[in-house]
N, C-alpha and C. Protein backbone atom coordinates (compact mmCIF):
# COMPACT_ATOMS: atom_id res chain seq x y z
N MET A 1 2.11 280.58 27.15
CA MET A 1 3.20 280.60 26.18
C MET A 1 4.54 280.83 26.87
N GLN A 2 4.53 281.62 27.95
CA GLN A 2 5.77 281.91 28.67
C GLN A 2 6.37 280.64 29.25
N THR A 3 5.53 279.76 29.78
CA THR A 3 6.02 278.52 30.36
C THR A 3 6.69 277.65 29.30
N ALA A 4 6.07 277.55 28.14
CA ALA A 4 6.66 276.77 27.04
C ALA A 4 7.99 277.36 26.61
N ALA A 5 8.06 278.68 26.53
CA ALA A 5 9.31 279.35 26.15
C ALA A 5 10.39 279.06 27.18
N ASN A 6 10.05 279.15 28.46
CA ASN A 6 11.02 278.87 29.52
C ASN A 6 11.52 277.43 29.47
N ILE A 7 10.62 276.51 29.20
CA ILE A 7 11.01 275.09 29.09
C ILE A 7 11.99 274.91 27.92
N LEU A 8 11.69 275.53 26.79
CA LEU A 8 12.57 275.40 25.62
C LEU A 8 13.93 276.03 25.89
N VAL A 9 13.95 277.19 26.54
CA VAL A 9 15.24 277.82 26.89
C VAL A 9 16.01 276.90 27.83
N GLY A 10 15.33 276.31 28.81
CA GLY A 10 15.98 275.38 29.72
C GLY A 10 16.54 274.16 29.02
N LEU A 11 15.81 273.66 28.03
CA LEU A 11 16.31 272.50 27.26
C LEU A 11 17.55 272.86 26.44
N VAL A 12 17.55 274.04 25.85
CA VAL A 12 18.73 274.48 25.09
C VAL A 12 19.91 274.67 26.04
N ALA A 13 19.66 275.24 27.21
CA ALA A 13 20.73 275.38 28.21
C ALA A 13 21.28 274.02 28.62
N ALA A 14 20.38 273.06 28.85
CA ALA A 14 20.81 271.70 29.22
C ALA A 14 21.62 271.05 28.10
N LEU A 15 21.20 271.25 26.87
CA LEU A 15 21.93 270.72 25.71
C LEU A 15 23.36 271.25 25.70
N HIS A 16 23.51 272.55 25.93
CA HIS A 16 24.86 273.14 25.90
C HIS A 16 25.69 272.73 27.12
N ALA A 17 25.05 272.49 28.24
CA ALA A 17 25.78 271.96 29.40
C ALA A 17 26.27 270.54 29.09
N TYR A 18 25.44 269.76 28.41
CA TYR A 18 25.82 268.40 28.01
C TYR A 18 26.99 268.44 27.01
N ILE A 19 26.92 269.35 26.07
CA ILE A 19 28.02 269.49 25.11
C ILE A 19 29.31 269.88 25.84
N LEU A 20 29.20 270.77 26.83
CA LEU A 20 30.37 271.13 27.64
C LEU A 20 31.00 269.88 28.23
N VAL A 21 30.20 269.02 28.84
CA VAL A 21 30.72 267.80 29.47
C VAL A 21 31.37 266.90 28.42
N LEU A 22 30.71 266.71 27.28
CA LEU A 22 31.28 265.87 26.23
C LEU A 22 32.63 266.41 25.74
N GLU A 23 32.68 267.70 25.48
CA GLU A 23 33.88 268.26 24.87
C GLU A 23 35.01 268.50 25.87
N MET A 24 34.68 268.81 27.11
CA MET A 24 35.73 269.11 28.09
C MET A 24 36.21 267.87 28.83
N PHE A 25 35.31 266.93 29.11
CA PHE A 25 35.67 265.83 30.00
C PHE A 25 35.58 264.44 29.37
N LEU A 26 34.81 264.28 28.32
CA LEU A 26 34.62 262.95 27.73
C LEU A 26 35.14 262.84 26.30
N TRP A 27 35.87 263.82 25.83
CA TRP A 27 36.31 263.85 24.44
C TRP A 27 37.13 262.62 24.06
N GLU A 28 37.99 262.18 24.95
CA GLU A 28 38.85 261.04 24.63
C GLU A 28 38.22 259.70 25.02
N ARG A 29 37.05 259.74 25.61
CA ARG A 29 36.34 258.51 26.00
C ARG A 29 35.28 258.19 24.94
N LYS A 30 34.62 257.08 25.14
CA LYS A 30 33.67 256.58 24.15
C LYS A 30 32.60 257.61 23.73
N PRO A 31 31.92 258.31 24.65
CA PRO A 31 30.89 259.26 24.19
C PRO A 31 31.46 260.39 23.33
N GLY A 32 32.59 260.93 23.71
CA GLY A 32 33.20 262.01 22.94
C GLY A 32 33.72 261.53 21.59
N ARG A 33 34.31 260.33 21.60
CA ARG A 33 34.82 259.80 20.33
C ARG A 33 33.68 259.44 19.39
N LYS A 34 32.57 259.00 19.95
CA LYS A 34 31.41 258.70 19.10
C LYS A 34 30.88 259.99 18.47
N LEU A 35 30.84 261.05 19.25
CA LEU A 35 30.38 262.34 18.74
C LEU A 35 31.28 262.84 17.62
N SER A 36 32.59 262.78 17.83
CA SER A 36 33.53 263.33 16.86
C SER A 36 33.84 262.37 15.71
N GLY A 37 33.74 261.09 15.98
CA GLY A 37 34.12 260.10 14.97
C GLY A 37 35.63 259.89 14.88
N PHE A 38 36.37 260.41 15.87
CA PHE A 38 37.82 260.33 15.87
C PHE A 38 38.30 259.04 16.51
N ASP A 39 39.45 258.55 16.04
CA ASP A 39 40.09 257.44 16.72
C ASP A 39 40.81 258.01 17.96
N ALA A 40 41.39 257.12 18.76
CA ALA A 40 41.99 257.53 20.03
C ALA A 40 43.10 258.57 19.85
N SER A 41 43.92 258.40 18.84
CA SER A 41 45.04 259.34 18.67
C SER A 41 44.55 260.72 18.21
N MET A 42 43.57 260.76 17.33
CA MET A 42 43.03 262.05 16.89
C MET A 42 42.27 262.73 18.03
N ALA A 43 41.55 261.95 18.82
CA ALA A 43 40.83 262.53 19.96
C ALA A 43 41.82 263.14 20.95
N LYS A 44 42.94 262.45 21.19
CA LYS A 44 43.95 262.98 22.10
C LYS A 44 44.57 264.26 21.53
N ALA A 45 44.83 264.27 20.24
CA ALA A 45 45.46 265.44 19.61
C ALA A 45 44.52 266.65 19.60
N THR A 46 43.22 266.42 19.51
CA THR A 46 42.27 267.52 19.41
C THR A 46 41.61 267.86 20.74
N ALA A 47 41.96 267.16 21.80
CA ALA A 47 41.31 267.38 23.11
C ALA A 47 41.41 268.84 23.59
N PRO A 48 42.55 269.51 23.45
CA PRO A 48 42.58 270.92 23.90
C PRO A 48 41.62 271.81 23.11
N LEU A 49 41.49 271.56 21.82
CA LEU A 49 40.54 272.34 21.01
C LEU A 49 39.11 272.05 21.43
N ALA A 50 38.81 270.77 21.67
CA ALA A 50 37.47 270.41 22.09
C ALA A 50 37.14 271.01 23.45
N ALA A 51 38.11 271.03 24.36
CA ALA A 51 37.88 271.62 25.67
C ALA A 51 37.57 273.11 25.55
N ASN A 52 38.23 273.78 24.65
CA ASN A 52 37.97 275.20 24.41
C ASN A 52 36.54 275.39 23.89
N GLN A 53 36.15 274.57 22.95
CA GLN A 53 34.77 274.62 22.43
C GLN A 53 33.78 274.34 23.55
N GLY A 54 34.09 273.37 24.38
CA GLY A 54 33.22 273.03 25.49
C GLY A 54 33.02 274.20 26.44
N LEU A 55 34.09 274.92 26.70
CA LEU A 55 34.00 276.08 27.57
C LEU A 55 33.04 277.11 27.00
N TYR A 56 33.12 277.36 25.70
CA TYR A 56 32.20 278.31 25.07
C TYR A 56 30.76 277.83 25.17
N ASN A 57 30.54 276.53 25.02
CA ASN A 57 29.19 276.00 25.19
C ASN A 57 28.71 276.19 26.62
N GLY A 58 29.62 276.10 27.57
CA GLY A 58 29.26 276.36 28.96
C GLY A 58 28.85 277.81 29.17
N PHE A 59 29.52 278.73 28.50
CA PHE A 59 29.13 280.14 28.59
C PHE A 59 27.72 280.35 28.03
N LEU A 60 27.41 279.67 26.93
CA LEU A 60 26.06 279.77 26.37
C LEU A 60 25.03 279.24 27.36
N ALA A 61 25.31 278.09 27.96
CA ALA A 61 24.39 277.52 28.95
C ALA A 61 24.21 278.46 30.14
N ALA A 62 25.31 279.00 30.63
CA ALA A 62 25.23 279.92 31.77
C ALA A 62 24.42 281.16 31.43
N GLY A 63 24.61 281.69 30.25
CA GLY A 63 23.85 282.86 29.83
C GLY A 63 22.36 282.57 29.74
N LEU A 64 22.01 281.39 29.24
CA LEU A 64 20.60 281.03 29.14
C LEU A 64 19.98 280.85 30.53
N VAL A 65 20.73 280.25 31.44
CA VAL A 65 20.23 280.12 32.81
C VAL A 65 20.06 281.50 33.44
N TRP A 66 21.01 282.38 33.22
CA TRP A 66 20.89 283.75 33.71
C TRP A 66 19.61 284.38 33.17
N GLY A 67 19.35 284.19 31.89
CA GLY A 67 18.14 284.73 31.30
C GLY A 67 16.87 284.19 31.92
N LEU A 68 16.92 282.93 32.35
CA LEU A 68 15.74 282.33 32.99
C LEU A 68 15.50 282.86 34.39
N ILE A 69 16.57 283.20 35.10
CA ILE A 69 16.38 283.61 36.50
C ILE A 69 16.34 285.13 36.69
N ALA A 70 16.81 285.89 35.72
CA ALA A 70 16.80 287.35 35.83
C ALA A 70 15.39 287.89 35.62
N ALA A 71 15.08 288.94 36.33
CA ALA A 71 13.78 289.59 36.17
C ALA A 71 13.72 290.30 34.81
N ASP A 72 12.52 290.40 34.27
CA ASP A 72 12.34 291.13 33.01
C ASP A 72 12.43 292.62 33.27
N PRO A 73 12.91 293.42 32.36
CA PRO A 73 13.18 293.09 30.97
C PRO A 73 14.55 292.45 30.74
N THR A 74 15.42 292.44 31.77
CA THR A 74 16.76 291.89 31.59
C THR A 74 16.71 290.43 31.17
N GLY A 75 15.91 289.61 31.85
CA GLY A 75 15.84 288.19 31.54
C GLY A 75 15.46 287.93 30.10
N TYR A 76 14.45 288.64 29.63
CA TYR A 76 14.01 288.50 28.24
C TYR A 76 15.13 288.87 27.28
N ARG A 77 15.79 290.00 27.52
CA ARG A 77 16.86 290.46 26.64
C ARG A 77 18.04 289.50 26.64
N VAL A 78 18.37 288.97 27.80
CA VAL A 78 19.48 288.02 27.90
C VAL A 78 19.14 286.74 27.15
N GLN A 79 17.90 286.27 27.28
CA GLN A 79 17.50 285.07 26.55
C GLN A 79 17.59 285.28 25.04
N VAL A 80 17.09 286.42 24.57
CA VAL A 80 17.15 286.72 23.13
C VAL A 80 18.60 286.78 22.66
N PHE A 81 19.45 287.44 23.44
CA PHE A 81 20.86 287.55 23.05
C PHE A 81 21.53 286.18 22.98
N PHE A 82 21.43 285.40 24.05
CA PHE A 82 22.14 284.12 24.06
C PHE A 82 21.54 283.11 23.09
N LEU A 83 20.23 283.11 22.90
CA LEU A 83 19.65 282.22 21.89
C LEU A 83 20.10 282.64 20.49
N SER A 84 20.22 283.93 20.26
CA SER A 84 20.75 284.39 18.97
C SER A 84 22.19 283.91 18.78
N CYS A 85 22.97 283.96 19.85
CA CYS A 85 24.35 283.44 19.79
C CYS A 85 24.35 281.94 19.47
N VAL A 86 23.45 281.19 20.09
CA VAL A 86 23.34 279.75 19.82
C VAL A 86 23.03 279.51 18.35
N VAL A 87 22.08 280.26 17.81
CA VAL A 87 21.69 280.08 16.40
C VAL A 87 22.86 280.42 15.48
N VAL A 88 23.52 281.53 15.72
CA VAL A 88 24.65 281.93 14.87
C VAL A 88 25.77 280.90 14.96
N ALA A 89 26.09 280.46 16.18
CA ALA A 89 27.13 279.44 16.34
C ALA A 89 26.75 278.15 15.63
N GLY A 90 25.48 277.77 15.70
CA GLY A 90 25.02 276.57 15.02
C GLY A 90 25.10 276.68 13.51
N LEU A 91 24.72 277.84 12.99
CA LEU A 91 24.81 278.06 11.54
C LEU A 91 26.26 278.03 11.07
N TYR A 92 27.12 278.68 11.83
CA TYR A 92 28.54 278.71 11.48
C TYR A 92 29.14 277.30 11.55
N GLY A 93 28.83 276.58 12.62
CA GLY A 93 29.33 275.21 12.76
C GLY A 93 28.84 274.31 11.63
N ALA A 94 27.57 274.48 11.24
CA ALA A 94 27.03 273.67 10.15
C ALA A 94 27.71 273.98 8.83
N ALA A 95 28.05 275.25 8.65
CA ALA A 95 28.69 275.67 7.39
C ALA A 95 30.15 275.28 7.33
N THR A 96 30.83 275.23 8.48
CA THR A 96 32.28 275.03 8.47
C THR A 96 32.76 273.70 9.01
N ALA A 97 31.95 273.03 9.82
CA ALA A 97 32.44 271.81 10.47
C ALA A 97 31.62 270.58 10.11
N ASN A 98 30.33 270.61 10.42
CA ASN A 98 29.50 269.43 10.22
C ASN A 98 28.05 269.87 10.08
N ARG A 99 27.41 269.44 9.03
CA ARG A 99 26.02 269.84 8.77
C ARG A 99 25.06 269.42 9.89
N ARG A 100 25.40 268.36 10.63
CA ARG A 100 24.54 267.90 11.74
C ARG A 100 24.34 268.99 12.79
N ILE A 101 25.30 269.91 12.90
CA ILE A 101 25.21 270.98 13.89
C ILE A 101 23.99 271.86 13.62
N LEU A 102 23.58 271.94 12.37
CA LEU A 102 22.40 272.73 12.03
C LEU A 102 21.18 272.20 12.79
N PHE A 103 21.06 270.89 12.86
CA PHE A 103 19.89 270.28 13.50
C PHE A 103 20.08 270.09 15.00
N ALA A 104 21.32 269.89 15.42
CA ALA A 104 21.60 269.64 16.84
C ALA A 104 21.69 270.92 17.66
N GLN A 105 22.06 272.04 17.03
CA GLN A 105 22.28 273.27 17.78
C GLN A 105 21.43 274.42 17.25
N ALA A 106 21.54 274.72 15.97
CA ALA A 106 20.85 275.91 15.43
C ALA A 106 19.33 275.76 15.48
N LEU A 107 18.81 274.60 15.11
CA LEU A 107 17.36 274.42 15.09
C LEU A 107 16.74 274.51 16.48
N PRO A 108 17.27 273.80 17.49
CA PRO A 108 16.69 273.97 18.83
C PRO A 108 16.78 275.42 19.33
N GLY A 109 17.90 276.07 19.04
CA GLY A 109 18.05 277.47 19.43
C GLY A 109 17.04 278.37 18.74
N ALA A 110 16.81 278.13 17.45
CA ALA A 110 15.86 278.94 16.70
C ALA A 110 14.43 278.72 17.19
N ILE A 111 14.09 277.49 17.51
CA ILE A 111 12.74 277.19 18.03
C ILE A 111 12.53 277.88 19.37
N ALA A 112 13.54 277.78 20.25
CA ALA A 112 13.44 278.44 21.55
C ALA A 112 13.38 279.96 21.38
N LEU A 113 14.18 280.51 20.48
CA LEU A 113 14.16 281.95 20.23
C LEU A 113 12.79 282.40 19.74
N ALA A 114 12.21 281.65 18.83
CA ALA A 114 10.87 281.99 18.32
C ALA A 114 9.84 281.96 19.45
N ALA A 115 9.95 280.98 20.34
CA ALA A 115 9.02 280.89 21.48
C ALA A 115 9.19 282.06 22.43
N VAL A 116 10.43 282.44 22.70
CA VAL A 116 10.70 283.58 23.58
C VAL A 116 10.14 284.86 22.97
N LEU A 117 10.38 285.07 21.69
CA LEU A 117 9.88 286.28 21.01
C LEU A 117 8.36 286.30 20.99
N ALA A 118 7.74 285.15 20.77
CA ALA A 118 6.28 285.09 20.73
C ALA A 118 5.68 285.34 22.12
N ALA A 119 6.37 284.88 23.15
CA ALA A 119 5.88 285.05 24.53
C ALA A 119 6.12 286.46 25.04
N GLY A 120 7.14 287.13 24.47
CA GLY A 120 7.53 288.46 24.97
C GLY A 120 6.61 289.50 24.50
């Protein structure tokens, strides 16, 4: 069960690293504009906000990686904390920005959190 939990945590970390790249570096290009649905002028106007969001996603990814490499009990606690942050951020984003965030962020985080708790 621990291996499955670690794989899920790694996948959530990779997802947030990917979101970092989209929001910080590709926001005004085709992949970022496809994600946001913005035209070129709106993407340019919102790029600083997206970069800020991307940075926060990078912090989530870094925290999850830290949780994977830290020895227990610290690693376990760090994973639980950062996965909880992912779930809360996903729920908030779904409620305030776009319902798709519930499935793209909160659900993977919740599944990984459940696996970590079950393995712990």
